C-alpha atoms as a PDB file:
ATOM      1  CA  UNK A   1    -141.652-106.164 -44.560  1.00  0.00           C
ATOM      2  CA  UNK A   2    -140.775-106.246 -48.232  1.00  0.00           C
ATOM      3  CA  UNK A   3    -137.228-106.764 -49.461  1.00  0.00           C
ATOM      4  CA  UNK A   4    -137.133-103.148 -50.670  1.00  0.00           C
ATOM      5  CA  UNK A   5    -138.158-101.869 -47.224  1.00  0.00           C
ATOM      6  CA  UNK A   6    -135.564-104.097 -45.546  1.00  0.00           C
ATOM      7  CA  UNK A   7    -132.908-102.797 -47.899  1.00  0.00           C
ATOM      8  CA  UNK A   8    -133.971 -99.206 -47.199  1.00  0.00           C
ATOM      9  CA  UNK A   9    -133.884 -99.839 -43.444  1.00  0.00           C
ATOM     10  CA  UNK A  10    -130.449-101.432 -43.747  1.00  0.00           C
ATOM     11  CA  UNK A  11    -129.229 -98.492 -45.806  1.00  0.00           C
ATOM     12  CA  UNK A  12    -130.676 -96.015 -43.300  1.00  0.00           C
ATOM     13  CA  UNK A  13    -129.052 -97.920 -40.461  1.00  0.00           C
ATOM     14  CA  UNK A  14    -125.715 -97.922 -42.270  1.00  0.00           C
ATOM     15  CA  UNK A  15    -126.046 -94.213 -43.013  1.00  0.00           C
ATOM     16  CA  UNK A  16    -126.770 -93.497 -39.354  1.00  0.00           C
ATOM     17  CA  UNK A  17    -123.773 -95.536 -38.184  1.00  0.00           C
ATOM     18  CA  UNK A  18    -121.507 -93.778 -40.688  1.00  0.00           C
ATOM     19  CA  UNK A  19    -122.732 -90.375 -39.483  1.00  0.00           C
ATOM     20  CA  UNK A  20    -122.009 -91.412 -35.898  1.00  0.00           C
ATOM     21  CA  UNK A  21    -118.523 -92.563 -36.899  1.00  0.00           C
ATOM     22  CA  UNK A  22    -117.844 -89.265 -38.691  1.00  0.00           C
ATOM     23  CA  UNK A  23    -118.990 -87.302 -35.630  1.00  0.00           C
ATOM     24  CA  UNK A  24    -116.826 -89.452 -33.377  1.00  0.00           C
ATOM     25  CA  UNK A  25    -113.763 -88.929 -35.582  1.00  0.00           C
ATOM     26  CA  UNK A  26    -114.367 -85.156 -35.643  1.00  0.00           C
ATOM     27  CA  UNK A  27    -114.742 -85.039 -31.863  1.00  0.00           C
ATOM     28  CA  UNK A  28    -111.611 -87.141 -31.315  1.00  0.00           C
ATOM     29  CA  UNK A  29    -109.606 -84.914 -33.663  1.00  0.00           C
ATOM     30  CA  UNK A  30    -110.734 -81.827 -31.748  1.00  0.00           C
ATOM     31  CA  UNK A  31    -109.818 -83.495 -28.447  1.00  0.00           C
ATOM     32  CA  UNK A  32    -106.418 -84.457 -29.856  1.00  0.00           C
ATOM     33  CA  UNK A  33    -105.746 -80.874 -30.968  1.00  0.00           C
ATOM     34  CA  UNK A  34    -106.753 -79.568 -27.550  1.00  0.00           C
ATOM     35  CA  UNK A  35    -104.505 -82.125 -25.843  1.00  0.00           C
ATOM     36  CA  UNK A  36    -101.561 -81.236 -28.093  1.00  0.00           C
ATOM     37  CA  UNK A  37    -102.042 -77.547 -27.363  1.00  0.00           C
ATOM     38  CA  UNK A  38    -102.262 -78.235 -23.639  1.00  0.00           C
ATOM     39  CA  UNK A  39     -99.080 -80.319 -23.810  1.00  0.00           C
ATOM     40  CA  UNK A  40     -97.250 -77.515 -25.626  1.00  0.00           C
ATOM     41  CA  UNK A  41     -98.311 -75.025 -22.957  1.00  0.00           C
ATOM     42  CA  UNK A  42     -97.177 -77.456 -20.253  1.00  0.00           C
ATOM     43  CA  UNK A  43     -93.772 -77.923 -21.933  1.00  0.00           C
ATOM     44  CA  UNK A  44     -93.317 -74.150 -22.081  1.00  0.00           C
ATOM     45  CA  UNK A  45     -94.211 -73.853 -18.404  1.00  0.00           C
ATOM     46  CA  UNK A  46     -91.793 -76.661 -17.492  1.00  0.00           C
ATOM     47  CA  UNK A  47     -88.996 -74.899 -19.366  1.00  0.00           C
ATOM     48  CA  UNK A  48     -89.773 -71.615 -17.612  1.00  0.00           C
ATOM     49  CA  UNK A  49     -89.885 -73.237 -14.190  1.00  0.00           C
ATOM     50  CA  UNK A  50     -86.684 -75.186 -14.855  1.00  0.00           C
ATOM     51  CA  UNK A  51     -84.899 -71.946 -15.681  1.00  0.00           C
ATOM     52  CA  UNK A  52     -86.346 -70.321 -12.570  1.00  0.00           C
ATOM     53  CA  UNK A  53     -85.061 -73.200 -10.419  1.00  0.00           C
ATOM     54  CA  UNK A  54     -81.584 -72.847 -11.939  1.00  0.00           C
ATOM     55  CA  UNK A  55     -81.603 -69.120 -11.227  1.00  0.00           C
ATOM     56  CA  UNK A  56     -82.744 -69.637  -7.642  1.00  0.00           C
ATOM     57  CA  UNK A  57     -80.132 -72.336  -7.056  1.00  0.00           C
ATOM     58  CA  UNK A  58     -77.438 -70.013  -8.367  1.00  0.00           C
ATOM     59  CA  UNK A  59     -78.659 -67.185  -6.142  1.00  0.00           C
ATOM     60  CA  UNK A  60     -78.747 -69.520  -3.130  1.00  0.00           C
ATOM     61  CA  UNK A  61     -75.174 -70.582  -3.830  1.00  0.00           C
ATOM     62  CA  UNK A  62     -74.063 -66.944  -4.002  1.00  0.00           C
ATOM     63  CA  UNK A  63     -75.873 -66.095  -0.756  1.00  0.00           C
ATOM     64  CA  UNK A  64     -74.340 -69.114   0.971  1.00  0.00           C
ATOM     65  CA  UNK A  65     -70.879 -68.041  -0.178  1.00  0.00           C
ATOM     66  CA  UNK A  66     -71.438 -64.491   1.092  1.00  0.00           C
ATOM     67  CA  UNK A  67     -72.714 -65.754   4.461  1.00  0.00           C
ATOM     68  CA  UNK A  68     -69.715 -68.066   4.832  1.00  0.00           C
ATOM     69  CA  UNK A  69     -67.445 -65.128   4.066  1.00  0.00           C
ATOM     70  CA  UNK A  70     -69.212 -62.956   6.660  1.00  0.00           C
ATOM     71  CA  UNK A  71     -69.012 -65.743   9.242  1.00  0.00           C
ATOM     72  CA  UNK A  72     -65.295 -66.007   8.537  1.00  0.00           C
ATOM     73  CA  UNK A  73     -64.916 -62.284   9.159  1.00  0.00           C
ATOM     74  CA  UNK A  74     -66.870 -62.580  12.425  1.00  0.00           C
ATOM     75  CA  UNK A  75     -64.578 -65.436  13.493  1.00  0.00           C
ATOM     76  CA  UNK A  76     -61.569 -63.209  12.792  1.00  0.00           C
ATOM     77  CA  UNK A  77     -63.062 -60.482  14.999  1.00  0.00           C
ATOM     78  CA  UNK A  78     -63.625 -63.000  17.786  1.00  0.00           C
ATOM     79  CA  UNK A  79     -60.014 -64.160  17.607  1.00  0.00           C
ATOM     80  CA  UNK A  80     -58.597 -60.651  17.731  1.00  0.00           C
END
């Protein structure tokens, strides 16, 4: 193989490796964007579920208070 052919092969090889690197970078950027979007959706869902838990805990506390009040009234009827 002549020096010119070797140089051409080396250049072709380098070009191919650079193209692969560019494709890899593009794919990784797309994956990163998808992951960031997925994380944002997950954070929104966590916030929604956290608020739902707070609401349910508040409702449970109110129901417990009402039941305790009713039980107190039943106790008063039993004593009378």
